[in-house]
Protein backbone atom coordinates (compact mmCIF):
# COMPACT_ATOMS: atom_id res chain seq x y z
CA MET A 1 30.28 13.00 -128.09
CA LYS A 2 27.53 14.08 -125.72
CA ASN A 3 26.55 10.98 -124.79
CA LEU A 4 29.99 9.08 -124.27
CA LEU A 5 30.99 11.91 -121.79
CA ILE A 6 27.24 11.10 -119.84
CA GLY A 7 28.31 7.70 -119.90
CA ALA A 8 31.76 7.69 -118.92
CA VAL A 9 30.80 10.18 -115.76
CA LEU A 10 28.33 7.55 -114.75
CA VAL A 11 30.44 4.63 -114.84
CA ALA A 12 33.16 6.92 -112.64
CA ALA A 13 30.36 7.25 -110.19
CA VAL A 14 29.67 3.90 -109.79
CA PHE A 15 33.18 2.87 -109.47
CA PHE A 16 33.69 5.72 -106.86
CA VAL A 17 30.63 4.37 -104.82
CA ALA A 18 31.68 0.88 -105.01
CA TRP A 19 35.46 1.94 -103.94
CA LYS A 20 33.59 3.57 -100.67
CA ALA A 21 31.49 1.05 -99.34
CA THR A 22 34.83 -1.60 -99.27
CA GLN A 23 36.41 1.54 -97.23
CA THR A 24 33.81 1.47 -94.67
CA ASN A 25 33.50 -2.09 -94.28
CA LYS A 26 37.01 -2.91 -93.81
CA PRO A 27 37.67 -3.96 -89.88
CA GLY A 28 40.45 -0.81 -88.42
CA PRO A 29 42.69 -1.46 -85.23
CA ALA A 30 40.63 -1.80 -82.02
CA ARG A 31 40.31 1.64 -80.11
CA GLN A 32 41.85 1.18 -76.39
CA ALA A 33 40.82 3.67 -73.61
CA PRO A 34 43.53 6.23 -72.68
CA GLN A 35 45.43 4.45 -69.64
CA ASP A 36 45.53 7.77 -67.72
CA ALA A 37 41.67 7.88 -67.29
CA PRO A 38 40.35 6.24 -63.86
CA GLN A 39 38.55 2.92 -64.01
CA GLU A 40 34.69 2.96 -62.82
CA ALA A 41 34.80 0.77 -59.00
CA PRO A 42 32.27 -2.44 -59.30
CA ARG A 43 29.30 -1.23 -57.48
CA PRO A 44 28.82 -3.15 -54.42
CA GLU A 45 25.58 -5.63 -54.58
CA ALA A 46 23.77 -3.58 -51.40
CA GLU A 47 23.60 -0.59 -53.88
CA ALA A 48 22.58 -2.59 -56.64
CA ALA A 49 19.73 -3.90 -54.83
CA PRO A 50 16.39 -1.88 -55.23
CA SER A 51 15.20 -0.09 -52.46
CA PRO A 52 12.15 -1.40 -50.38
CA ASP A 53 8.97 -0.55 -51.11
CA PRO A 54 7.78 2.18 -48.70
CA PHE A 55 4.16 1.45 -49.19
CA PRO A 56 4.17 -2.39 -49.35
CA HIS A 57 0.32 -2.35 -49.34
CA SER A 58 -0.42 0.07 -52.07
CA ALA A 59 -1.91 -0.30 -55.05
CA ALA A 60 0.17 -2.67 -57.39
CA PRO A 61 0.95 -1.80 -61.08
CA GLU A 62 -1.67 -3.53 -63.43
CA GLY A 63 -0.57 -7.16 -64.36
CA SER A 64 1.37 -8.08 -61.03
CA ALA A 65 -0.31 -9.48 -57.82
CA ALA A 66 -0.98 -7.21 -54.81
CA THR A 67 0.18 -8.28 -51.07
CA PRO A 68 -2.85 -8.65 -48.79
CA PRO A 69 -2.52 -6.28 -45.92
CA PRO A 70 -2.67 -8.23 -42.59
CA VAL A 71 -5.43 -9.39 -40.73
CA VAL A 72 -5.99 -7.80 -37.70
CA SER A 73 -8.29 -9.44 -34.96
CA PRO A 74 -10.31 -7.04 -32.63
CA ALA A 75 -9.62 -6.20 -29.48
CA PRO A 76 -11.81 -8.16 -26.75
CA PRO A 77 -14.05 -6.15 -24.87
CA ALA A 78 -12.79 -4.47 -21.90
CA GLU A 79 -14.02 -5.72 -18.58
CA PRO A 80 -16.75 -3.43 -16.62
CA ALA A 81 -15.22 -1.65 -13.61
CA TYR A 82 -16.43 -2.91 -10.39
CA THR A 83 -19.26 -0.94 -8.41
CA SER A 84 -19.17 -0.65 -4.78
CA LYS A 85 -22.26 -2.36 -3.01
CA THR A 86 -21.62 0.25 -0.12
CA GLU A 87 -23.41 3.94 -0.06
CA LEU A 88 -22.28 6.66 2.07
CA GLY A 89 -24.53 7.66 5.25
CA THR A 90 -24.15 10.26 7.63
CA ARG A 91 -21.22 9.82 9.58
CA ARG A 92 -22.03 8.12 12.90
CA GLU A 93 -18.94 7.56 15.40
CA GLU A 94 -20.28 4.41 16.70
CA CYS A 95 -20.64 2.77 12.94
CA LEU A 96 -17.09 3.31 11.32
CA TYR A 97 -15.70 1.30 8.56
CA LEU A 98 -11.90 1.60 7.65
CA CYS A 99 -10.73 0.80 4.06
CA GLY A 100 -7.43 -1.15 4.08
CA LYS A 101 -6.84 -0.49 0.27
CA CYS A 102 -7.21 3.26 0.11
CA GLY A 103 -7.51 4.55 4.58
CA LYS A 104 -10.90 6.08 4.10
CA VAL A 105 -12.90 6.38 7.24
CA PHE A 106 -16.48 6.04 6.53
CA SER A 107 -20.33 5.40 7.78
CA PRO A 108 -22.22 3.34 5.55
CA THR A 109 -26.28 3.45 5.16
CA GLU A 110 -28.22 1.02 7.04
CA GLU A 111 -29.25 -1.16 4.00
CA THR A 112 -26.37 -1.55 2.23
CA MET A 113 -24.32 -2.37 5.46
CA GLN A 114 -26.86 -5.05 6.72
CA ALA A 115 -26.99 -6.65 3.01
CA GLN A 116 -23.08 -7.73 3.37
CA VAL A 117 -22.43 -8.25 7.01
CA ARG A 118 -23.48 -11.24 9.16
CA ILE A 119 -21.40 -10.18 12.07
CA GLN A 120 -20.31 -6.83 12.36
CA TRP A 121 -16.75 -6.84 13.30
CA THR A 122 -15.58 -9.69 11.47
CA ASP A 123 -17.61 -9.08 7.70
CA ALA A 124 -15.61 -7.00 5.42
CA ILE A 125 -17.90 -4.55 3.09
CA ASP A 126 -16.91 -3.01 -0.43
CA CYS A 127 -15.43 0.67 -0.07
CA PRO A 128 -17.46 3.22 -1.84
CA TYR A 129 -14.38 5.57 -2.20
CA CYS A 130 -11.98 3.06 -4.27
CA ASN A 131 -14.75 0.58 -5.12
CA GLY A 132 -12.43 -1.78 -3.13
CA GLN A 133 -14.23 -5.29 -2.64
CA ARG A 134 -14.79 -6.46 0.78
CA THR A 135 -11.71 -4.25 1.83
CA ALA A 136 -13.40 -2.46 4.51
CA TYR A 137 -13.77 -3.36 8.19
CA PHE A 138 -15.49 -2.27 11.54
CA ALA A 139 -13.51 0.61 12.75
CA GLU A 140 -13.36 2.21 16.10
CA ALA A 141 -11.40 5.10 18.09
CA CYS A 142 -8.95 4.14 20.56
CA PRO A 143 -9.76 5.38 23.73
CA SER A 144 -6.36 6.20 24.91
CA CYS A 145 -4.90 7.86 21.68
CA GLY A 146 -7.96 8.56 19.49
CA LYS A 147 -6.34 6.47 16.23
CA ILE A 148 -8.74 5.28 14.36
CA TYR A 149 -8.30 1.38 13.58
CA ALA A 150 -9.93 -1.87 12.20
CA GLN A 151 -10.82 -4.10 14.93
CA PHE A 152 -10.58 -7.59 12.59
CA PRO A 153 -7.07 -7.14 11.51
CA ASN A 154 -5.72 -5.86 14.62
CA THR A 155 -6.82 -8.65 16.97
CA LYS A 156 -4.84 -11.80 18.57
CA ARG A 157 -5.56 -14.76 21.02
CA ASP A 158 -4.34 -14.30 24.68
CA GLU A 159 -2.08 -17.14 25.10
CA ALA A 160 -3.14 -17.29 28.92
CA THR A 161 -6.78 -17.00 28.96
CA GLY A 162 -7.61 -18.06 25.15
CA GLU A 163 -9.69 -14.92 24.31
CA ILE A 164 -9.15 -13.21 21.58
CA ARG A 165 -8.20 -9.68 22.34
CA LYS A 166 -8.15 -6.34 20.62
CA PHE A 167 -5.50 -3.57 20.34
CA CYS A 168 -4.90 -0.40 19.13
CA PRO A 169 -1.91 -0.49 16.35
CA GLN A 170 -0.38 2.77 17.96
CA CYS A 171 -0.36 2.30 21.45
CA GLY A 172 -1.57 -1.00 22.26
CA THR A 173 -4.49 -0.20 24.18
CA ASP A 174 -7.35 -3.15 25.03
CA PRO A 175 -10.28 -1.13 24.75
CA VAL A 176 -12.11 -3.76 25.99
CA ARG A 177 -10.34 -3.77 29.25
CA TRP A 178 -10.40 0.00 28.93
CA VAL A 179 -13.65 -0.09 29.57
CA LEU A 180 -13.92 -3.12 32.08
CA ARG A 181 -11.09 -1.24 34.43
CA ILE A 182 -13.17 2.11 34.67
CA ARG A 183 -16.34 0.21 35.40
CA LYS A 184 -14.49 -1.92 38.37
CA ALA A 185 -13.37 1.34 39.74
CA ARG A 186 -16.61 2.95 39.59
CA PRO A 187 -18.43 1.80 42.46
CA ALA A 188 -15.76 2.39 45.12
CA SER A 189 -16.35 5.88 44.16
CA PRO A 190 -18.53 8.96 45.30
CA THR A 191 -21.91 8.85 43.08
CA ASP A 192 -21.39 12.51 42.79
CA PRO A 193 -19.79 13.81 39.63
CA PRO A 194 -16.04 15.06 40.04
CA ALA A 195 -14.76 18.56 39.78
CA THR A 196 -12.82 17.45 36.58
CA VAL A 197 -14.29 17.97 33.11
CA LEU A 198 -13.24 16.14 30.16
CA GLY A 199 -11.67 18.48 27.40
CA PRO A 200 -10.43 17.85 24.05
CA ARG A 201 -7.55 15.45 23.47
CA ARG A 202 -4.13 17.17 23.78
CA GLU A 203 -0.84 15.20 23.84
CA ASP A 204 0.84 17.90 25.81
CA PHE A 205 -1.93 18.13 28.74
CA ARG A 206 -2.78 14.57 29.77
CA PHE A 207 -3.27 12.82 33.01
CA LEU A 208 -3.26 9.30 33.73
CA CYS A 209 -6.00 7.63 36.83
CA ARG A 210 -4.08 5.50 39.37
CA LYS A 211 -7.50 4.14 40.06
CA CYS A 212 -8.69 2.96 36.67
CA GLY A 213 -5.53 3.29 34.72
CA ALA A 214 -7.16 5.97 31.86
CA ASN A 215 -5.74 8.53 30.60
CA PHE A 216 -7.81 11.95 29.51
CA SER A 217 -7.18 15.58 28.73
CA PRO A 218 -9.31 17.83 31.26
CA THR A 219 -10.21 21.39 30.34
CA PRO A 220 -7.28 24.06 31.61
CA GLU A 221 -10.21 25.65 33.68
CA SER A 222 -11.43 22.74 35.79
CA ALA A 223 -7.65 21.47 36.20
CA GLN A 224 -6.53 24.51 37.66
CA LYS A 225 -9.64 24.98 40.42
CA GLN A 226 -8.46 21.92 41.58
CA THR A 227 -4.48 22.26 42.25
CA ARG A 228 -3.87 26.07 42.46
CA GLY A 229 -3.84 26.96 46.26
CA GLN A 230 -4.12 23.63 47.47
CA GLY A 231 -0.44 22.26 47.21
CA LYS A 232 -1.54 19.18 45.38
CA THR A 233 -1.03 18.03 41.97
CA ALA A 234 -3.70 15.29 41.36
CA ILE A 235 -7.31 15.77 40.32
CA ASP A 236 -9.83 14.07 39.95
CA CYS A 237 -11.01 11.25 37.22
CA PRO A 238 -13.74 12.25 35.20
CA LEU A 239 -14.06 8.35 34.17
CA CYS A 240 -14.58 6.52 37.24
CA TYR A 241 -15.67 9.34 39.72
CA GLY A 242 -12.12 9.16 41.78
CA ARG A 243 -10.95 12.22 43.94
CA SER A 244 -7.30 13.01 43.63
CA CYS A 245 -6.54 9.86 41.81
CA ALA A 246 -5.01 11.59 38.21
CA ASP A 247 -1.70 13.24 38.02
CA ALA A 248 -0.07 14.82 35.13
CA ALA A 249 1.09 12.17 32.84
CA VAL A 250 3.57 12.24 29.79
CA CYS A 251 2.61 11.07 26.16
CA CYS A 252 5.31 9.16 24.59
CA PRO A 253 5.71 11.05 21.08
CA LYS A 254 7.07 7.87 19.42
CA CYS A 255 4.41 4.90 20.80
CA LYS A 256 1.74 7.24 21.97
CA HIS A 257 2.18 5.18 25.14
CA VAL A 258 0.72 7.48 28.18
CA TYR A 259 2.72 7.04 31.89
CA LEU A 260 3.66 8.83 34.67
CA ALA A 261 7.64 10.44 34.50
CA GLU A 262 9.75 9.36 37.32
CA GLY A 263 12.66 11.72 37.87
CA ALA A 264 14.22 14.50 35.48
CA LYS A 265 14.11 11.96 32.63
CA ALA A 266 10.76 11.13 31.16
CA LEU A 267 11.65 7.47 29.67
CA CYS A 268 9.08 5.46 28.28
CA PRO A 269 8.68 2.38 29.98
CA ARG A 270 7.80 0.75 26.67
CA CYS A 271 10.05 2.02 23.78
CA LYS A 272 12.59 3.71 25.95
CA THR A 273 11.96 6.75 24.09
CA ASP A 274 13.02 10.34 26.33
CA ALA A 275 10.00 12.41 25.75
CA VAL A 276 12.30 15.76 26.56
CA GLU A 277 15.13 15.01 24.42
CA TRP A 278 12.91 14.28 21.43
CA HIS A 279 10.84 17.17 21.81
CA ARG A 280 14.33 19.28 22.46
CA THR A 281 15.69 17.89 19.20
CA LYS A 282 12.87 17.87 17.13
CA GLY A 283 14.01 14.85 15.72
CA GLY A 284 13.21 11.61 17.99
CA THR A 285 16.33 10.38 19.22
CA LYS A 286 16.17 7.88 21.67
CA SER A 287 17.73 8.30 25.42
CA GLY A 288 21.48 7.81 24.80
CA THR A 289 21.77 7.20 21.14
CA LYS A 290 21.31 9.74 17.95
């Protein structure tokens, strides 16, 4: 009896398991998403694309080929800076050079100058200040206005005579004719020294010689001795030794031309500038214009 019960239980268990298995494998109705649920928008292709590697030349993972770094060619060697062949010497007024590149005035040593020059006033030499190659020419100070200028760049050929003339770029004075006029006037003058003594050049205190055409600035003491109590304004010329041939003159504040004023106005015969009006306004106005 007991064995019959056990067998009945086992048979019931087998049928139950078989029935459960058939219920599990049986297809049911498809599950649908609720209609009120929001649908996910499709992702754009730009977002789906992988971001670029910020380190393209870093070590690649094992099994993949690494990108070789770009080949950088070495920079060409820098050219050595030019070294001037000129050495500075003691400043000498009879041997001055002016650099057209940096504007410096200097006196070279005799050794470095002779190595670069065949004709002194036409050949250029190196500048020891800016290392310019052959940028400095022989220079001199204008005897009229005192400006130092290079001789060779400031030359021109006289159309009438065909000779080459040098001129000051500031006041237009020809230094050669300046000296020749003085030498020509001196033999007709007394041989004893004049009473006028040359002083430092001043634009506000200038005299012009009617005999040799040179202008100069005397010392105030020597000028006052000749004009005080004598009723005259002319003084001796210390250049050509002329007696009472130099009168007080005006130096044009614009072009530096020295001339004798006539009348109340001091118009420059070269640039028509009124020197009195110029100094009054301190701006440099021409006569009749502003």
